[in-house]
Amino acid sequence: GSLKENVRYVQLDAGHYTEGTEYVR
């Protein structure tokens, strides 16, 4: 019965991955 929250966020700077890469944590 548990619900947890995840955060979806997007990379703003080019780095190891390109700008615009989306993540969920």
mmCIF file of all heavy atoms, coordinates in Angstrom:
data_MODEL
# 
_entry.id   MODEL 
# 
loop_
_atom_site.group_PDB 
_atom_site.id 
_atom_site.type_symbol 
_atom_site.label_atom_id 
_atom_site.label_alt_id 
_atom_site.label_comp_id 
_atom_site.label_asym_id 
_atom_site.label_entity_id 
_atom_site.label_seq_id 
_atom_site.pdbx_PDB_ins_code 
_atom_site.Cartn_x 
_atom_site.Cartn_y 
_atom_site.Cartn_z 
_atom_site.occupancy 
_atom_site.B_iso_or_equiv 
_atom_site.pdbx_formal_charge 
_atom_site.auth_seq_id 
_atom_site.auth_comp_id 
_atom_site.auth_asym_id 
_atom_site.auth_atom_id 
_atom_site.pdbx_PDB_model_num 
ATOM 1   N N   . GLY A 1 1  ? 0.777  -1.226 0.000   1.00 0.00 ? 1  GLY A N   1 
ATOM 2   C CA  . GLY A 1 1  ? 0.000  0.000  0.000   1.00 0.00 ? 1  GLY A CA  1 
ATOM 3   C C   . GLY A 1 1  ? 0.816  1.286  0.000   1.00 0.00 ? 1  GLY A C   1 
ATOM 4   O O   . GLY A 1 1  ? 0.266  2.365  0.171   1.00 0.00 ? 1  GLY A O   1 
ATOM 5   N N   . SER A 1 2  ? 2.117  1.158  -0.201  1.00 0.00 ? 2  SER A N   1 
ATOM 6   C CA  . SER A 1 2  ? 2.954  2.361  -0.149  1.00 0.00 ? 2  SER A CA  1 
ATOM 7   C C   . SER A 1 2  ? 3.113  3.001  -1.526  1.00 0.00 ? 2  SER A C   1 
ATOM 8   O O   . SER A 1 2  ? 3.191  2.324  -2.542  1.00 0.00 ? 2  SER A O   1 
ATOM 9   C CB  . SER A 1 2  ? 4.340  2.031  0.413   1.00 0.00 ? 2  SER A CB  1 
ATOM 10  O OG  . SER A 1 2  ? 5.067  1.225  -0.487  1.00 0.00 ? 2  SER A OG  1 
ATOM 11  N N   . LEU A 1 3  ? 3.111  4.316  -1.526  1.00 0.00 ? 3  LEU A N   1 
ATOM 12  C CA  . LEU A 1 3  ? 3.396  5.103  -2.719  1.00 0.00 ? 3  LEU A CA  1 
ATOM 13  C C   . LEU A 1 3  ? 4.574  6.011  -2.390  1.00 0.00 ? 3  LEU A C   1 
ATOM 14  O O   . LEU A 1 3  ? 4.582  6.655  -1.345  1.00 0.00 ? 3  LEU A O   1 
ATOM 15  C CB  . LEU A 1 3  ? 2.197  5.961  -3.109  1.00 0.00 ? 3  LEU A CB  1 
ATOM 16  C CG  . LEU A 1 3  ? 0.974  5.229  -3.624  1.00 0.00 ? 3  LEU A CG  1 
ATOM 17  C CD1 . LEU A 1 3  ? -0.189 6.197  -3.776  1.00 0.00 ? 3  LEU A CD1 1 
ATOM 18  C CD2 . LEU A 1 3  ? 1.274  4.574  -4.954  1.00 0.00 ? 3  LEU A CD2 1 
ATOM 19  N N   . LYS A 1 4  ? 5.557  6.029  -3.255  1.00 0.00 ? 4  LYS A N   1 
ATOM 20  C CA  . LYS A 1 4  ? 6.702  6.912  -3.068  1.00 0.00 ? 4  LYS A CA  1 
ATOM 21  C C   . LYS A 1 4  ? 6.731  7.895  -4.219  1.00 0.00 ? 4  LYS A C   1 
ATOM 22  O O   . LYS A 1 4  ? 6.163  7.656  -5.268  1.00 0.00 ? 4  LYS A O   1 
ATOM 23  C CB  . LYS A 1 4  ? 7.999  6.113  -3.023  1.00 0.00 ? 4  LYS A CB  1 
ATOM 24  C CG  . LYS A 1 4  ? 8.083  5.218  -1.813  1.00 0.00 ? 4  LYS A CG  1 
ATOM 25  C CD  . LYS A 1 4  ? 9.445  4.627  -1.651  1.00 0.00 ? 4  LYS A CD  1 
ATOM 26  C CE  . LYS A 1 4  ? 9.463  3.812  -0.380  1.00 0.00 ? 4  LYS A CE  1 
ATOM 27  N NZ  . LYS A 1 4  ? 10.783 3.403  -0.013  1.00 0.00 ? 4  LYS A NZ  1 
ATOM 28  N N   . GLU A 1 5  ? 7.420  8.996  -4.006  1.00 0.00 ? 5  GLU A N   1 
ATOM 29  C CA  . GLU A 1 5  ? 7.535  9.993  -5.068  1.00 0.00 ? 5  GLU A CA  1 
ATOM 30  C C   . GLU A 1 5  ? 8.863  9.867  -5.782  1.00 0.00 ? 5  GLU A C   1 
ATOM 31  O O   . GLU A 1 5  ? 9.895  9.615  -5.164  1.00 0.00 ? 5  GLU A O   1 
ATOM 32  C CB  . GLU A 1 5  ? 7.433  11.408 -4.498  1.00 0.00 ? 5  GLU A CB  1 
ATOM 33  C CG  . GLU A 1 5  ? 6.022  11.902 -4.421  1.00 0.00 ? 5  GLU A CG  1 
ATOM 34  C CD  . GLU A 1 5  ? 5.965  13.382 -4.155  1.00 0.00 ? 5  GLU A CD  1 
ATOM 35  O OE1 . GLU A 1 5  ? 6.008  13.756 -2.984  1.00 0.00 ? 5  GLU A OE1 1 
ATOM 36  O OE2 . GLU A 1 5  ? 5.867  14.152 -5.129  1.00 0.00 ? 5  GLU A OE2 1 
ATOM 37  N N   . ASN A 1 6  ? 8.812  10.031 -7.077  1.00 0.00 ? 6  ASN A N   1 
ATOM 38  C CA  . ASN A 1 6  ? 10.006 10.145 -7.905  1.00 0.00 ? 6  ASN A CA  1 
ATOM 39  C C   . ASN A 1 6  ? 10.046 11.552 -8.473  1.00 0.00 ? 6  ASN A C   1 
ATOM 40  O O   . ASN A 1 6  ? 9.023  12.209 -8.590  1.00 0.00 ? 6  ASN A O   1 
ATOM 41  C CB  . ASN A 1 6  ? 9.997  9.139  -9.055  1.00 0.00 ? 6  ASN A CB  1 
ATOM 42  C CG  . ASN A 1 6  ? 10.289 7.728  -8.604  1.00 0.00 ? 6  ASN A CG  1 
ATOM 43  O OD1 . ASN A 1 6  ? 10.756 7.493  -7.505  1.00 0.00 ? 6  ASN A OD1 1 
ATOM 44  N ND2 . ASN A 1 6  ? 10.003 6.780  -9.460  1.00 0.00 ? 6  ASN A ND2 1 
ATOM 45  N N   . VAL A 1 7  ? 11.242 11.991 -8.830  1.00 0.00 ? 7  VAL A N   1 
ATOM 46  C CA  . VAL A 1 7  ? 11.447 13.303 -9.422  1.00 0.00 ? 7  VAL A CA  1 
ATOM 47  C C   . VAL A 1 7  ? 11.984 13.090 -10.830 1.00 0.00 ? 7  VAL A C   1 
ATOM 48  O O   . VAL A 1 7  ? 12.939 12.341 -11.029 1.00 0.00 ? 7  VAL A O   1 
ATOM 49  C CB  . VAL A 1 7  ? 12.464 14.124 -8.595  1.00 0.00 ? 7  VAL A CB  1 
ATOM 50  C CG1 . VAL A 1 7  ? 12.724 15.469 -9.242  1.00 0.00 ? 7  VAL A CG1 1 
ATOM 51  C CG2 . VAL A 1 7  ? 11.962 14.296 -7.168  1.00 0.00 ? 7  VAL A CG2 1 
ATOM 52  N N   . ARG A 1 8  ? 11.339 13.707 -11.816 1.00 0.00 ? 8  ARG A N   1 
ATOM 53  C CA  . ARG A 1 8  ? 11.841 13.678 -13.197 1.00 0.00 ? 8  ARG A CA  1 
ATOM 54  C C   . ARG A 1 8  ? 12.494 15.019 -13.456 1.00 0.00 ? 8  ARG A C   1 
ATOM 55  O O   . ARG A 1 8  ? 11.903 16.070 -13.201 1.00 0.00 ? 8  ARG A O   1 
ATOM 56  C CB  . ARG A 1 8  ? 10.700 13.441 -14.187 1.00 0.00 ? 8  ARG A CB  1 
ATOM 57  C CG  . ARG A 1 8  ? 11.189 13.262 -15.622 1.00 0.00 ? 8  ARG A CG  1 
ATOM 58  C CD  . ARG A 1 8  ? 10.090 12.785 -16.549 1.00 0.00 ? 8  ARG A CD  1 
ATOM 59  N NE  . ARG A 1 8  ? 9.052  13.756 -16.763 1.00 0.00 ? 8  ARG A NE  1 
ATOM 60  C CZ  . ARG A 1 8  ? 9.002  14.592 -17.798 1.00 0.00 ? 8  ARG A CZ  1 
ATOM 61  N NH1 . ARG A 1 8  ? 9.928  14.568 -18.731 1.00 0.00 ? 8  ARG A NH1 1 
ATOM 62  N NH2 . ARG A 1 8  ? 8.019  15.448 -17.913 1.00 0.00 ? 8  ARG A NH2 1 
ATOM 63  N N   . TYR A 1 9  ? 13.733 14.981 -13.944 1.00 0.00 ? 9  TYR A N   1 
ATOM 64  C CA  . TYR A 1 9  ? 14.480 16.211 -14.150 1.00 0.00 ? 9  TYR A CA  1 
ATOM 65  C C   . TYR A 1 9  ? 15.317 16.117 -15.414 1.00 0.00 ? 9  TYR A C   1 
ATOM 66  O O   . TYR A 1 9  ? 15.584 15.027 -15.914 1.00 0.00 ? 9  TYR A O   1 
ATOM 67  C CB  . TYR A 1 9  ? 15.346 16.543 -12.928 1.00 0.00 ? 9  TYR A CB  1 
ATOM 68  C CG  . TYR A 1 9  ? 16.286 15.447 -12.492 1.00 0.00 ? 9  TYR A CG  1 
ATOM 69  C CD1 . TYR A 1 9  ? 17.645 15.519 -12.796 1.00 0.00 ? 9  TYR A CD1 1 
ATOM 70  C CD2 . TYR A 1 9  ? 15.840 14.350 -11.768 1.00 0.00 ? 9  TYR A CD2 1 
ATOM 71  C CE1 . TYR A 1 9  ? 18.524 14.521 -12.392 1.00 0.00 ? 9  TYR A CE1 1 
ATOM 72  C CE2 . TYR A 1 9  ? 16.709 13.359 -11.363 1.00 0.00 ? 9  TYR A CE2 1 
ATOM 73  C CZ  . TYR A 1 9  ? 18.041 13.448 -11.661 1.00 0.00 ? 9  TYR A CZ  1 
ATOM 74  O OH  . TYR A 1 9  ? 18.913 12.461 -11.266 1.00 0.00 ? 9  TYR A OH  1 
ATOM 75  N N   . VAL A 1 10 ? 15.709 17.279 -15.950 1.00 0.00 ? 10 VAL A N   1 
ATOM 76  C CA  . VAL A 1 10 ? 16.413 17.335 -17.225 1.00 0.00 ? 10 VAL A CA  1 
ATOM 77  C C   . VAL A 1 10 ? 17.742 18.070 -17.039 1.00 0.00 ? 10 VAL A C   1 
ATOM 78  O O   . VAL A 1 10 ? 17.828 19.046 -16.296 1.00 0.00 ? 10 VAL A O   1 
ATOM 79  C CB  . VAL A 1 10 ? 15.532 17.999 -18.313 1.00 0.00 ? 10 VAL A CB  1 
ATOM 80  C CG1 . VAL A 1 10 ? 15.222 19.439 -17.989 1.00 0.00 ? 10 VAL A CG1 1 
ATOM 81  C CG2 . VAL A 1 10 ? 16.149 17.877 -19.673 1.00 0.00 ? 10 VAL A CG2 1 
ATOM 82  N N   . GLN A 1 11 ? 18.757 17.553 -17.707 1.00 0.00 ? 11 GLN A N   1 
ATOM 83  C CA  . GLN A 1 11 ? 20.103 18.122 -17.657 1.00 0.00 ? 11 GLN A CA  1 
ATOM 84  C C   . GLN A 1 11 ? 20.151 19.408 -18.473 1.00 0.00 ? 11 GLN A C   1 
ATOM 85  O O   . GLN A 1 11 ? 19.729 19.441 -19.622 1.00 0.00 ? 11 GLN A O   1 
ATOM 86  C CB  . GLN A 1 11 ? 21.087 17.088 -18.214 1.00 0.00 ? 11 GLN A CB  1 
ATOM 87  C CG  . GLN A 1 11 ? 22.526 17.462 -18.128 1.00 0.00 ? 11 GLN A CG  1 
ATOM 88  C CD  . GLN A 1 11 ? 23.417 16.282 -18.509 1.00 0.00 ? 11 GLN A CD  1 
ATOM 89  O OE1 . GLN A 1 11 ? 23.117 15.147 -18.172 1.00 0.00 ? 11 GLN A OE1 1 
ATOM 90  N NE2 . GLN A 1 11 ? 24.489 16.565 -19.205 1.00 0.00 ? 11 GLN A NE2 1 
ATOM 91  N N   . LEU A 1 12 ? 20.681 20.481 -17.876 1.00 0.00 ? 12 LEU A N   1 
ATOM 92  C CA  . LEU A 1 12 ? 20.738 21.772 -18.559 1.00 0.00 ? 12 LEU A CA  1 
ATOM 93  C C   . LEU A 1 12 ? 22.090 22.052 -19.195 1.00 0.00 ? 12 LEU A C   1 
ATOM 94  O O   . LEU A 1 12 ? 22.205 22.951 -20.030 1.00 0.00 ? 12 LEU A O   1 
ATOM 95  C CB  . LEU A 1 12 ? 20.395 22.899 -17.579 1.00 0.00 ? 12 LEU A CB  1 
ATOM 96  C CG  . LEU A 1 12 ? 18.998 22.845 -16.966 1.00 0.00 ? 12 LEU A CG  1 
ATOM 97  C CD1 . LEU A 1 12 ? 18.824 23.980 -15.982 1.00 0.00 ? 12 LEU A CD1 1 
ATOM 98  C CD2 . LEU A 1 12 ? 17.928 22.872 -18.037 1.00 0.00 ? 12 LEU A CD2 1 
ATOM 99  N N   . ASP A 1 13 ? 23.123 21.334 -18.788 1.00 0.00 ? 13 ASP A N   1 
ATOM 100 C CA  . ASP A 1 13 ? 24.477 21.557 -19.294 1.00 0.00 ? 13 ASP A CA  1 
ATOM 101 C C   . ASP A 1 13 ? 24.977 20.313 -20.016 1.00 0.00 ? 13 ASP A C   1 
ATOM 102 O O   . ASP A 1 13 ? 24.707 19.199 -19.584 1.00 0.00 ? 13 ASP A O   1 
ATOM 103 C CB  . ASP A 1 13 ? 25.435 21.867 -18.140 1.00 0.00 ? 13 ASP A CB  1 
ATOM 104 C CG  . ASP A 1 13 ? 24.963 23.031 -17.290 1.00 0.00 ? 13 ASP A CG  1 
ATOM 105 O OD1 . ASP A 1 13 ? 24.694 24.093 -17.876 1.00 0.00 ? 13 ASP A OD1 1 
ATOM 106 O OD2 . ASP A 1 13 ? 24.865 22.876 -16.063 1.00 0.00 ? 13 ASP A OD2 1 
ATOM 107 N N   . ALA A 1 14 ? 25.711 20.538 -21.107 1.00 0.00 ? 14 ALA A N   1 
ATOM 108 C CA  . ALA A 1 14 ? 26.349 19.408 -21.781 1.00 0.00 ? 14 ALA A CA  1 
ATOM 109 C C   . ALA A 1 14 ? 27.474 18.902 -20.881 1.00 0.00 ? 14 ALA A C   1 
ATOM 110 O O   . ALA A 1 14 ? 28.180 19.677 -20.253 1.00 0.00 ? 14 ALA A O   1 
ATOM 111 C CB  . ALA A 1 14 ? 26.901 19.834 -23.133 1.00 0.00 ? 14 ALA A CB  1 
ATOM 112 N N   . GLY A 1 15 ? 27.614 17.607 -20.806 1.00 0.00 ? 15 GLY A N   1 
ATOM 113 C CA  . GLY A 1 15 ? 28.643 16.982 -19.973 1.00 0.00 ? 15 GLY A CA  1 
ATOM 114 C C   . GLY A 1 15 ? 28.883 15.587 -20.495 1.00 0.00 ? 15 GLY A C   1 
ATOM 115 O O   . GLY A 1 15 ? 28.985 15.381 -21.708 1.00 0.00 ? 15 GLY A O   1 
ATOM 116 N N   . HIS A 1 16 ? 28.930 14.613 -19.573 1.00 0.00 ? 16 HIS A N   1 
ATOM 117 C CA  . HIS A 1 16 ? 29.085 13.224 -19.994 1.00 0.00 ? 16 HIS A CA  1 
ATOM 118 C C   . HIS A 1 16 ? 27.930 12.824 -20.917 1.00 0.00 ? 16 HIS A C   1 
ATOM 119 O O   . HIS A 1 16 ? 28.117 12.081 -21.875 1.00 0.00 ? 16 HIS A O   1 
ATOM 120 C CB  . HIS A 1 16 ? 29.147 12.318 -18.755 1.00 0.00 ? 16 HIS A CB  1 
ATOM 121 C CG  . HIS A 1 16 ? 29.418 10.886 -19.072 1.00 0.00 ? 16 HIS A CG  1 
ATOM 122 N ND1 . HIS A 1 16 ? 30.646 10.447 -19.513 1.00 0.00 ? 16 HIS A ND1 1 
ATOM 123 C CD2 . HIS A 1 16 ? 28.619 9.806  -19.037 1.00 0.00 ? 16 HIS A CD2 1 
ATOM 124 C CE1 . HIS A 1 16 ? 30.582 9.146  -19.726 1.00 0.00 ? 16 HIS A CE1 1 
ATOM 125 N NE2 . HIS A 1 16 ? 29.366 8.732  -19.445 1.00 0.00 ? 16 HIS A NE2 1 
ATOM 126 N N   . TYR A 1 17 ? 26.725 13.338 -20.618 1.00 0.00 ? 17 TYR A N   1 
ATOM 127 C CA  . TYR A 1 17 ? 25.564 13.146 -21.480 1.00 0.00 ? 17 TYR A CA  1 
ATOM 128 C C   . TYR A 1 17 ? 25.157 14.513 -22.029 1.00 0.00 ? 17 TYR A C   1 
ATOM 129 O O   . TYR A 1 17 ? 25.518 15.550 -21.485 1.00 0.00 ? 17 TYR A O   1 
ATOM 130 C CB  . TYR A 1 17 ? 24.402 12.508 -20.706 1.00 0.00 ? 17 TYR A CB  1 
ATOM 131 C CG  . TYR A 1 17 ? 24.736 11.121 -20.230 1.00 0.00 ? 17 TYR A CG  1 
ATOM 132 C CD1 . TYR A 1 17 ? 25.055 10.885 -18.900 1.00 0.00 ? 17 TYR A CD1 1 
ATOM 133 C CD2 . TYR A 1 17 ? 24.769 10.051 -21.112 1.00 0.00 ? 17 TYR A CD2 1 
ATOM 134 C CE1 . TYR A 1 17 ? 25.371 9.605  -18.456 1.00 0.00 ? 17 TYR A CE1 1 
ATOM 135 C CE2 . TYR A 1 17 ? 25.090 8.773  -20.683 1.00 0.00 ? 17 TYR A CE2 1 
ATOM 136 C CZ  . TYR A 1 17 ? 25.395 8.560  -19.352 1.00 0.00 ? 17 TYR A CZ  1 
ATOM 137 O OH  . TYR A 1 17 ? 25.714 7.313  -18.934 1.00 0.00 ? 17 TYR A OH  1 
ATOM 138 N N   . THR A 1 18 ? 24.371 14.526 -23.091 1.00 0.00 ? 18 THR A N   1 
ATOM 139 C CA  . THR A 1 18 ? 24.014 15.774 -23.755 1.00 0.00 ? 18 THR A CA  1 
ATOM 140 C C   . THR A 1 18 ? 22.992 16.582 -22.953 1.00 0.00 ? 18 THR A C   1 
ATOM 141 O O   . THR A 1 18 ? 22.231 16.028 -22.158 1.00 0.00 ? 18 THR A O   1 
ATOM 142 C CB  . THR A 1 18 ? 23.426 15.510 -25.152 1.00 0.00 ? 18 THR A CB  1 
ATOM 143 O OG1 . THR A 1 18 ? 22.252 14.709 -25.013 1.00 0.00 ? 18 THR A OG1 1 
ATOM 144 C CG2 . THR A 1 18 ? 24.413 14.816 -26.052 1.00 0.00 ? 18 THR A CG2 1 
ATOM 145 N N   . GLU A 1 19 ? 22.990 17.871 -23.201 1.00 0.00 ? 19 GLU A N   1 
ATOM 146 C CA  . GLU A 1 19 ? 21.982 18.759 -22.636 1.00 0.00 ? 19 GLU A CA  1 
ATOM 147 C C   . GLU A 1 19 ? 20.616 18.240 -23.056 1.00 0.00 ? 19 GLU A C   1 
ATOM 148 O O   . GLU A 1 19 ? 20.418 17.820 -24.197 1.00 0.00 ? 19 GLU A O   1 
ATOM 149 C CB  . GLU A 1 19 ? 22.212 20.165 -23.185 1.00 0.00 ? 19 GLU A CB  1 
ATOM 150 C CG  . GLU A 1 19 ? 21.198 21.181 -22.767 1.00 0.00 ? 19 GLU A CG  1 
ATOM 151 C CD  . GLU A 1 19 ? 21.457 22.523 -23.418 1.00 0.00 ? 19 GLU A CD  1 
ATOM 152 O OE1 . GLU A 1 19 ? 22.574 22.772 -23.904 1.00 0.00 ? 19 GLU A OE1 1 
ATOM 153 O OE2 . GLU A 1 19 ? 20.511 23.329 -23.445 1.00 0.00 ? 19 GLU A OE2 1 
ATOM 154 N N   . GLY A 1 20 ? 19.660 18.235 -22.134 1.00 0.00 ? 20 GLY A N   1 
ATOM 155 C CA  . GLY A 1 20 ? 18.313 17.755 -22.441 1.00 0.00 ? 20 GLY A CA  1 
ATOM 156 C C   . GLY A 1 20 ? 18.070 16.313 -22.030 1.00 0.00 ? 20 GLY A C   1 
ATOM 157 O O   . GLY A 1 20 ? 16.942 15.836 -22.103 1.00 0.00 ? 20 GLY A O   1 
ATOM 158 N N   . THR A 1 21 ? 19.124 15.606 -21.575 1.00 0.00 ? 21 THR A N   1 
ATOM 159 C CA  . THR A 1 21 ? 18.944 14.230 -21.104 1.00 0.00 ? 21 THR A CA  1 
ATOM 160 C C   . THR A 1 21 ? 18.020 14.243 -19.893 1.00 0.00 ? 21 THR A C   1 
ATOM 161 O O   . THR A 1 21 ? 18.174 15.063 -18.997 1.00 0.00 ? 21 THR A O   1 
ATOM 162 C CB  . THR A 1 21 ? 20.299 13.598 -20.729 1.00 0.00 ? 21 THR A CB  1 
ATOM 163 O OG1 . THR A 1 21 ? 21.143 13.616 -21.883 1.00 0.00 ? 21 THR A OG1 1 
ATOM 164 C CG2 . THR A 1 21 ? 20.129 12.171 -20.241 1.00 0.00 ? 21 THR A CG2 1 
ATOM 165 N N   . GLU A 1 22 ? 17.039 13.338 -19.882 1.00 0.00 ? 22 GLU A N   1 
ATOM 166 C CA  . GLU A 1 22 ? 16.088 13.266 -18.774 1.00 0.00 ? 22 GLU A CA  1 
ATOM 167 C C   . GLU A 1 22 ? 16.440 12.124 -17.831 1.00 0.00 ? 22 GLU A C   1 
ATOM 168 O O   . GLU A 1 22 ? 16.934 11.079 -18.254 1.00 0.00 ? 22 GLU A O   1 
ATOM 169 C CB  . GLU A 1 22 ? 14.669 13.063 -19.300 1.00 0.00 ? 22 GLU A CB  1 
ATOM 170 C CG  . GLU A 1 22 ? 14.132 14.286 -19.991 1.00 0.00 ? 22 GLU A CG  1 
ATOM 171 C CD  . GLU A 1 22 ? 12.647 14.209 -20.268 1.00 0.00 ? 22 GLU A CD  1 
ATOM 172 O OE1 . GLU A 1 22 ? 11.991 13.227 -19.871 1.00 0.00 ? 22 GLU A OE1 1 
ATOM 173 O OE2 . GLU A 1 22 ? 12.137 15.151 -20.879 1.00 0.00 ? 22 GLU A OE2 1 
ATOM 174 N N   . TYR A 1 23 ? 16.164 12.342 -16.563 1.00 0.00 ? 23 TYR A N   1 
ATOM 175 C CA  . TYR A 1 23 ? 16.446 11.365 -15.515 1.00 0.00 ? 23 TYR A CA  1 
ATOM 176 C C   . TYR A 1 23 ? 15.246 11.263 -14.590 1.00 0.00 ? 23 TYR A C   1 
ATOM 177 O O   . TYR A 1 23 ? 14.461 12.199 -14.466 1.00 0.00 ? 23 TYR A O   1 
ATOM 178 C CB  . TYR A 1 23 ? 17.644 11.808 -14.665 1.00 0.00 ? 23 TYR A CB  1 
ATOM 179 C CG  . TYR A 1 23 ? 18.908 12.030 -15.441 1.00 0.00 ? 23 TYR A CG  1 
ATOM 180 C CD1 . TYR A 1 23 ? 19.187 13.272 -15.997 1.00 0.00 ? 23 TYR A CD1 1 
ATOM 181 C CD2 . TYR A 1 23 ? 19.820 11.001 -15.611 1.00 0.00 ? 23 TYR A CD2 1 
ATOM 182 C CE1 . TYR A 1 23 ? 20.353 13.482 -16.706 1.00 0.00 ? 23 TYR A CE1 1 
ATOM 183 C CE2 . TYR A 1 23 ? 20.995 11.209 -16.321 1.00 0.00 ? 23 TYR A CE2 1 
ATOM 184 C CZ  . TYR A 1 23 ? 21.257 12.457 -16.862 1.00 0.00 ? 23 TYR A CZ  1 
ATOM 185 O OH  . TYR A 1 23 ? 22.411 12.663 -17.562 1.00 0.00 ? 23 TYR A OH  1 
ATOM 186 N N   . VAL A 1 24 ? 15.124 10.132 -13.902 1.00 0.00 ? 24 VAL A N   1 
ATOM 187 C CA  . VAL A 1 24 ? 14.136 9.944  -12.849 1.00 0.00 ? 24 VAL A CA  1 
ATOM 188 C C   . VAL A 1 24 ? 14.872 9.375  -11.645 1.00 0.00 ? 24 VAL A C   1 
ATOM 189 O O   . VAL A 1 24 ? 15.674 8.447  -11.772 1.00 0.00 ? 24 VAL A O   1 
ATOM 190 C CB  . VAL A 1 24 ? 13.006 8.982  -13.285 1.00 0.00 ? 24 VAL A CB  1 
ATOM 191 C CG1 . VAL A 1 24 ? 12.048 8.710  -12.125 1.00 0.00 ? 24 VAL A CG1 1 
ATOM 192 C CG2 . VAL A 1 24 ? 12.254 9.542  -14.481 1.00 0.00 ? 24 VAL A CG2 1 
ATOM 193 N N   . ARG A 1 25 ? 14.615 9.963  -10.490 1.00 0.00 ? 25 ARG A N   1 
ATOM 194 C CA  . ARG A 1 25 ? 15.305 9.542  -9.273  1.00 0.00 ? 25 ARG A CA  1 
ATOM 195 C C   . ARG A 1 25 ? 14.296 9.565  -8.121  1.00 0.00 ? 25 ARG A C   1 
ATOM 196 O O   . ARG A 1 25 ? 13.397 10.400 -8.077  1.00 0.00 ? 25 ARG A O   1 
ATOM 197 C CB  . ARG A 1 25 ? 16.450 10.517 -8.986  1.00 0.00 ? 25 ARG A CB  1 
ATOM 198 C CG  . ARG A 1 25 ? 17.348 10.128 -7.843  1.00 0.00 ? 25 ARG A CG  1 
ATOM 199 C CD  . ARG A 1 25 ? 18.429 11.167 -7.631  1.00 0.00 ? 25 ARG A CD  1 
ATOM 200 N NE  . ARG A 1 25 ? 19.385 11.208 -8.711  1.00 0.00 ? 25 ARG A NE  1 
ATOM 201 C CZ  . ARG A 1 25 ? 20.577 10.614 -8.686  1.00 0.00 ? 25 ARG A CZ  1 
ATOM 202 N NH1 . ARG A 1 25 ? 20.943 9.927  -7.636  1.00 0.00 ? 25 ARG A NH1 1 
ATOM 203 N NH2 . ARG A 1 25 ? 21.395 10.731 -9.706  1.00 0.00 ? 25 ARG A NH2 1 
# 
